[in-house]
N, C-alpha and C. Protein backbone atom coordinates (compact mmCIF):
# COMPACT_ATOMS: atom_id res chain seq x y z
N UNK A 1 -5.77 9.60 10.47
CA UNK A 1 -5.91 8.36 11.19
C UNK A 1 -7.30 8.31 11.81
N UNK A 2 -7.92 7.14 11.79
CA UNK A 2 -9.25 6.98 12.36
C UNK A 2 -9.20 7.09 13.88
N UNK A 3 -10.24 7.66 14.44
CA UNK A 3 -10.36 7.66 15.90
C UNK A 3 -10.94 6.32 16.32
N UNK A 4 -10.85 6.02 17.60
CA UNK A 4 -11.37 4.77 18.12
C UNK A 4 -12.85 4.60 17.78
N UNK A 5 -13.61 5.68 17.86
CA UNK A 5 -15.05 5.62 17.57
C UNK A 5 -15.36 5.42 16.09
N UNK A 6 -14.44 5.82 15.22
CA UNK A 6 -14.66 5.69 13.77
C UNK A 6 -14.29 4.31 13.24
N UNK A 7 -13.56 3.54 14.02
CA UNK A 7 -13.13 2.22 13.56
C UNK A 7 -14.29 1.23 13.62
N UNK A 8 -14.35 0.36 12.61
CA UNK A 8 -15.38 -0.68 12.65
C UNK A 8 -15.18 -1.59 13.87
N UNK A 9 -16.24 -2.17 14.35
CA UNK A 9 -16.15 -3.08 15.51
C UNK A 9 -15.38 -4.35 15.14
N UNK A 10 -15.54 -4.80 13.93
CA UNK A 10 -14.90 -6.04 13.47
C UNK A 10 -13.43 -5.78 13.10
N UNK A 11 -12.48 -6.56 13.63
CA UNK A 11 -11.07 -6.36 13.30
C UNK A 11 -10.76 -6.58 11.82
N UNK A 12 -11.45 -7.51 11.18
CA UNK A 12 -11.24 -7.75 9.75
C UNK A 12 -11.69 -6.53 8.96
N UNK A 13 -12.82 -5.96 9.34
CA UNK A 13 -13.32 -4.76 8.66
C UNK A 13 -12.36 -3.59 8.85
N UNK A 14 -11.71 -3.52 10.01
CA UNK A 14 -10.72 -2.47 10.24
C UNK A 14 -9.55 -2.62 9.27
N UNK A 15 -9.06 -3.85 9.10
CA UNK A 15 -7.96 -4.11 8.18
C UNK A 15 -8.36 -3.78 6.75
N UNK A 16 -9.55 -4.21 6.35
CA UNK A 16 -10.04 -3.93 5.00
C UNK A 16 -10.17 -2.42 4.80
N UNK A 17 -10.61 -1.70 5.80
CA UNK A 17 -10.73 -0.24 5.71
C UNK A 17 -9.37 0.40 5.44
N UNK A 18 -8.33 -0.15 6.06
CA UNK A 18 -6.99 0.43 5.94
C UNK A 18 -6.33 0.10 4.61
N UNK A 19 -6.46 -1.12 4.13
CA UNK A 19 -5.71 -1.54 2.93
C UNK A 19 -6.56 -2.24 1.90
N UNK A 20 -7.88 -2.14 2.00
CA UNK A 20 -8.77 -2.95 1.21
C UNK A 20 -8.89 -2.63 -0.27
N UNK A 21 -8.40 -1.49 -0.71
CA UNK A 21 -8.56 -1.19 -2.13
C UNK A 21 -7.46 -1.86 -2.94
N UNK A 22 -7.79 -2.16 -4.17
CA UNK A 22 -6.82 -2.77 -5.10
C UNK A 22 -5.54 -1.96 -5.15
N UNK A 23 -5.67 -0.65 -5.27
CA UNK A 23 -4.49 0.18 -5.47
C UNK A 23 -3.65 0.27 -4.21
N UNK A 24 -4.28 0.36 -3.05
CA UNK A 24 -3.50 0.41 -1.81
C UNK A 24 -2.68 -0.87 -1.63
N UNK A 25 -3.28 -2.00 -1.95
CA UNK A 25 -2.55 -3.26 -1.83
C UNK A 25 -1.36 -3.30 -2.78
N UNK A 26 -1.55 -2.83 -4.00
CA UNK A 26 -0.45 -2.84 -4.96
C UNK A 26 0.62 -1.81 -4.61
N UNK A 27 0.23 -0.69 -4.06
CA UNK A 27 1.21 0.29 -3.58
C UNK A 27 2.03 -0.33 -2.46
N UNK A 28 1.35 -0.99 -1.53
CA UNK A 28 2.07 -1.66 -0.43
C UNK A 28 3.01 -2.73 -0.95
N UNK A 29 2.56 -3.49 -1.95
CA UNK A 29 3.41 -4.52 -2.54
C UNK A 29 4.73 -3.91 -3.01
N UNK A 30 4.65 -2.78 -3.69
CA UNK A 30 5.85 -2.11 -4.19
C UNK A 30 6.71 -1.61 -3.04
N UNK A 31 6.07 -0.98 -2.06
CA UNK A 31 6.83 -0.38 -0.96
C UNK A 31 7.46 -1.41 -0.04
N UNK A 32 7.01 -2.66 -0.10
CA UNK A 32 7.66 -3.72 0.68
C UNK A 32 9.10 -3.94 0.21
N UNK A 33 9.36 -3.64 -1.04
CA UNK A 33 10.70 -3.87 -1.60
C UNK A 33 11.66 -2.72 -1.28
N UNK A 34 11.14 -1.49 -1.38
CA UNK A 34 12.02 -0.31 -1.21
C UNK A 34 11.16 0.94 -1.26
N UNK A 35 11.72 2.10 -0.90
CA UNK A 35 11.00 3.36 -1.10
C UNK A 35 10.84 3.65 -2.61
N UNK A 36 9.75 4.29 -2.97
CA UNK A 36 9.46 4.62 -4.36
C UNK A 36 9.11 6.09 -4.47
N UNK A 37 9.42 6.65 -5.63
CA UNK A 37 8.99 8.00 -5.95
C UNK A 37 7.63 7.94 -6.65
N UNK A 38 6.91 9.06 -6.63
CA UNK A 38 5.57 9.10 -7.19
C UNK A 38 5.53 8.61 -8.64
N UNK A 39 6.38 9.17 -9.49
CA UNK A 39 6.33 8.82 -10.91
C UNK A 39 6.73 7.36 -11.16
N UNK A 40 7.60 6.81 -10.31
CA UNK A 40 7.93 5.39 -10.43
C UNK A 40 6.69 4.55 -10.16
N UNK A 41 5.97 4.90 -9.10
CA UNK A 41 4.74 4.17 -8.78
C UNK A 41 3.73 4.30 -9.91
N UNK A 42 3.57 5.50 -10.42
CA UNK A 42 2.61 5.75 -11.51
C UNK A 42 2.93 4.89 -12.72
N UNK A 43 4.21 4.80 -13.08
CA UNK A 43 4.60 3.98 -14.24
C UNK A 43 4.40 2.49 -13.97
N UNK A 44 4.68 2.05 -12.75
CA UNK A 44 4.63 0.62 -12.44
C UNK A 44 3.21 0.11 -12.24
N UNK A 45 2.34 0.95 -11.73
CA UNK A 45 0.96 0.53 -11.45
C UNK A 45 0.09 0.81 -12.67
N UNK A 46 0.14 -0.09 -13.60
CA UNK A 46 -0.55 0.08 -14.87
C UNK A 46 -2.04 0.29 -14.67
N UNK A 47 -2.55 1.40 -15.21
CA UNK A 47 -3.98 1.69 -15.15
C UNK A 47 -4.39 2.64 -14.05
N UNK A 48 -3.49 2.97 -13.14
CA UNK A 48 -3.87 3.89 -12.06
C UNK A 48 -3.80 5.33 -12.57
N UNK A 49 -4.77 6.12 -12.19
CA UNK A 49 -4.74 7.54 -12.58
C UNK A 49 -3.92 8.32 -11.56
N UNK A 50 -3.48 9.48 -11.97
CA UNK A 50 -2.70 10.32 -11.06
C UNK A 50 -3.52 10.69 -9.83
N UNK A 51 -4.81 10.97 -10.03
CA UNK A 51 -5.69 11.34 -8.92
C UNK A 51 -5.84 10.19 -7.93
N UNK A 52 -6.07 8.99 -8.42
CA UNK A 52 -6.25 7.84 -7.53
C UNK A 52 -4.95 7.54 -6.78
N UNK A 53 -3.81 7.64 -7.46
CA UNK A 53 -2.54 7.42 -6.80
C UNK A 53 -2.32 8.48 -5.71
N UNK A 54 -2.56 9.73 -6.04
CA UNK A 54 -2.40 10.81 -5.07
C UNK A 54 -3.32 10.60 -3.87
N UNK A 55 -4.60 10.30 -4.13
CA UNK A 55 -5.56 10.09 -3.05
C UNK A 55 -5.18 8.89 -2.19
N UNK A 56 -4.74 7.82 -2.82
CA UNK A 56 -4.35 6.60 -2.08
C UNK A 56 -3.15 6.87 -1.20
N UNK A 57 -2.14 7.54 -1.75
CA UNK A 57 -0.94 7.85 -0.96
C UNK A 57 -1.27 8.77 0.21
N UNK A 58 -2.11 9.77 -0.03
CA UNK A 58 -2.51 10.68 1.06
C UNK A 58 -3.26 9.93 2.16
N UNK A 59 -4.17 9.07 1.75
CA UNK A 59 -4.95 8.29 2.71
C UNK A 59 -4.04 7.36 3.52
N UNK A 60 -3.12 6.71 2.85
CA UNK A 60 -2.21 5.80 3.54
C UNK A 60 -1.28 6.57 4.48
N UNK A 61 -0.88 7.76 4.08
CA UNK A 61 -0.05 8.60 4.95
C UNK A 61 -0.87 9.06 6.17
N UNK A 62 -2.10 9.48 5.94
CA UNK A 62 -2.97 9.91 7.04
C UNK A 62 -3.22 8.76 8.03
N UNK A 63 -3.32 7.55 7.51
CA UNK A 63 -3.57 6.38 8.36
C UNK A 63 -2.29 5.86 9.03
N UNK A 64 -1.15 6.45 8.67
CA UNK A 64 0.11 6.06 9.30
C UNK A 64 0.77 4.83 8.71
N UNK A 65 0.30 4.39 7.53
CA UNK A 65 0.85 3.19 6.89
C UNK A 65 2.13 3.50 6.13
N UNK A 66 2.21 4.69 5.57
CA UNK A 66 3.41 5.08 4.82
C UNK A 66 3.95 6.40 5.34
N UNK A 67 5.20 6.66 4.98
CA UNK A 67 5.81 7.96 5.26
C UNK A 67 6.13 8.62 3.94
N UNK A 68 6.11 9.93 3.96
CA UNK A 68 6.44 10.74 2.78
C UNK A 68 7.62 11.61 3.17
N UNK A 69 8.73 11.44 2.46
CA UNK A 69 9.93 12.21 2.74
C UNK A 69 10.23 13.13 1.58
N UNK A 70 10.33 14.43 1.86
CA UNK A 70 10.66 15.44 0.86
C UNK A 70 12.12 15.82 1.06
N UNK A 71 12.92 15.64 0.02
CA UNK A 71 14.34 16.00 0.08
C UNK A 71 14.52 17.41 -0.44
N UNK A 72 15.28 18.23 0.28
CA UNK A 72 15.45 19.63 -0.12
C UNK A 72 16.43 19.77 -1.29
N UNK A 73 15.95 19.41 -2.46
CA UNK A 73 16.74 19.49 -3.68
C UNK A 73 15.95 20.30 -4.70
N UNK A 74 16.61 20.65 -5.77
CA UNK A 74 15.94 21.34 -6.87
C UNK A 74 16.10 20.48 -8.12
N UNK A 75 15.02 19.96 -8.68
CA UNK A 75 13.64 20.00 -8.16
C UNK A 75 13.50 19.11 -6.93
N UNK A 76 12.47 19.36 -6.10
CA UNK A 76 12.29 18.55 -4.89
C UNK A 76 12.09 17.08 -5.24
N UNK A 77 12.66 16.22 -4.42
CA UNK A 77 12.50 14.77 -4.58
C UNK A 77 11.66 14.28 -3.41
N UNK A 78 10.62 13.50 -3.72
CA UNK A 78 9.74 12.96 -2.70
C UNK A 78 9.76 11.45 -2.81
N UNK A 79 9.92 10.78 -1.67
CA UNK A 79 9.90 9.32 -1.64
C UNK A 79 8.85 8.84 -0.64
N UNK A 80 8.23 7.74 -1.01
CA UNK A 80 7.23 7.10 -0.15
C UNK A 80 7.81 5.78 0.32
N UNK A 81 7.62 5.48 1.61
CA UNK A 81 8.12 4.24 2.19
C UNK A 81 7.11 3.75 3.22
N UNK A 82 7.19 2.48 3.54
CA UNK A 82 6.33 1.95 4.59
C UNK A 82 6.79 2.48 5.94
N UNK A 83 5.85 2.83 6.77
CA UNK A 83 6.15 3.22 8.14
C UNK A 83 6.30 1.94 8.97
N UNK A 84 6.56 2.10 10.25
CA UNK A 84 6.62 0.93 11.13
C UNK A 84 5.28 0.18 11.12
N UNK A 85 4.19 0.93 11.13
CA UNK A 85 2.86 0.32 11.07
C UNK A 85 2.69 -0.42 9.74
N UNK A 86 3.11 0.19 8.65
CA UNK A 86 3.03 -0.46 7.35
C UNK A 86 3.86 -1.73 7.31
N UNK A 87 5.05 -1.68 7.88
CA UNK A 87 5.92 -2.86 7.94
C UNK A 87 5.27 -4.00 8.72
N UNK A 88 4.45 -3.65 9.70
CA UNK A 88 3.78 -4.69 10.50
C UNK A 88 2.78 -5.49 9.66
N UNK A 89 2.46 -4.99 8.47
CA UNK A 89 1.53 -5.70 7.58
C UNK A 89 2.27 -6.65 6.64
N UNK A 90 3.58 -6.70 6.72
CA UNK A 90 4.38 -7.59 5.85
C UNK A 90 3.90 -9.04 5.92
N UNK A 91 3.65 -9.60 7.12
CA UNK A 91 3.16 -11.00 7.15
C UNK A 91 1.84 -11.20 6.42
N UNK A 92 0.96 -10.21 6.49
CA UNK A 92 -0.32 -10.30 5.78
C UNK A 92 -0.06 -10.34 4.27
N UNK A 93 0.79 -9.45 3.81
CA UNK A 93 1.11 -9.39 2.38
C UNK A 93 1.82 -10.67 1.93
N UNK A 94 2.72 -11.20 2.76
CA UNK A 94 3.41 -12.45 2.42
C UNK A 94 2.43 -13.60 2.33
N UNK A 95 1.44 -13.64 3.22
CA UNK A 95 0.41 -14.69 3.17
C UNK A 95 -0.43 -14.56 1.91
N UNK A 96 -0.75 -13.32 1.53
CA UNK A 96 -1.51 -13.11 0.30
C UNK A 96 -0.72 -13.57 -0.91
N UNK A 97 0.58 -13.29 -0.92
CA UNK A 97 1.44 -13.72 -2.03
C UNK A 97 1.49 -15.25 -2.10
N UNK A 98 1.68 -15.91 -0.96
CA UNK A 98 1.74 -17.38 -0.93
C UNK A 98 0.43 -17.99 -1.41
N UNK A 99 -0.69 -17.42 -0.98
CA UNK A 99 -1.98 -17.91 -1.41
C UNK A 99 -2.15 -17.75 -2.92
N UNK A 100 -1.74 -16.60 -3.44
CA UNK A 100 -1.86 -16.34 -4.88
C UNK A 100 -1.01 -17.30 -5.69
N UNK A 101 0.19 -17.59 -5.24
CA UNK A 101 1.05 -18.56 -5.93
C UNK A 101 0.40 -19.94 -5.92
N UNK A 102 -0.10 -20.35 -4.76
CA UNK A 102 -0.74 -21.65 -4.63
C UNK A 102 -1.97 -21.75 -5.54
N UNK A 103 -2.77 -20.72 -5.57
CA UNK A 103 -3.96 -20.70 -6.41
C UNK A 103 -3.60 -20.81 -7.88
N UNK A 104 -2.60 -20.05 -8.32
CA UNK A 104 -2.19 -20.09 -9.72
C UNK A 104 -1.66 -21.47 -10.10
N UNK A 105 -0.93 -22.12 -9.19
CA UNK A 105 -0.43 -23.47 -9.45
C UNK A 105 -1.59 -24.45 -9.56
N UNK A 106 -2.58 -24.32 -8.68
CA UNK A 106 -3.74 -25.21 -8.71
C UNK A 106 -4.49 -25.06 -10.03
N UNK A 107 -4.69 -23.83 -10.48
CA UNK A 107 -5.39 -23.59 -11.75
C UNK A 107 -4.59 -24.16 -12.92
N UNK A 108 -3.27 -24.00 -12.88
CA UNK A 108 -2.42 -24.49 -13.97
C UNK A 108 -2.45 -26.01 -14.07
N UNK A 109 -2.74 -26.68 -12.97
CA UNK A 109 -2.72 -28.15 -12.94
C UNK A 109 -4.10 -28.77 -13.16
N UNK A 110 -5.08 -27.95 -13.52
CA UNK A 110 -6.41 -28.53 -13.75
C UNK A 110 -6.70 -28.65 -15.22
């Protein structure tokens, strides 16, 4: 998690720092629906490499956006879910979805 001194002065820049990458946004999109396992995310996020997925999940966990739960099974089962902080971004993601739908409709009607 960033310290107060490491955060950008601009609130928008802070938000972009937390979720600004393409992959982080798509991971969040998936986690809004339910918890996901690593391989499920890998299969669903077409084009993401294992390294980028691992790095993104670690970064999001470090920032407190997601939680990682390891179940004591053989083989171990790991699930990723939005944390309370991640859930607080639901309105932002919903607004992005609404904007995207509106934009696609506008393009289709031109």
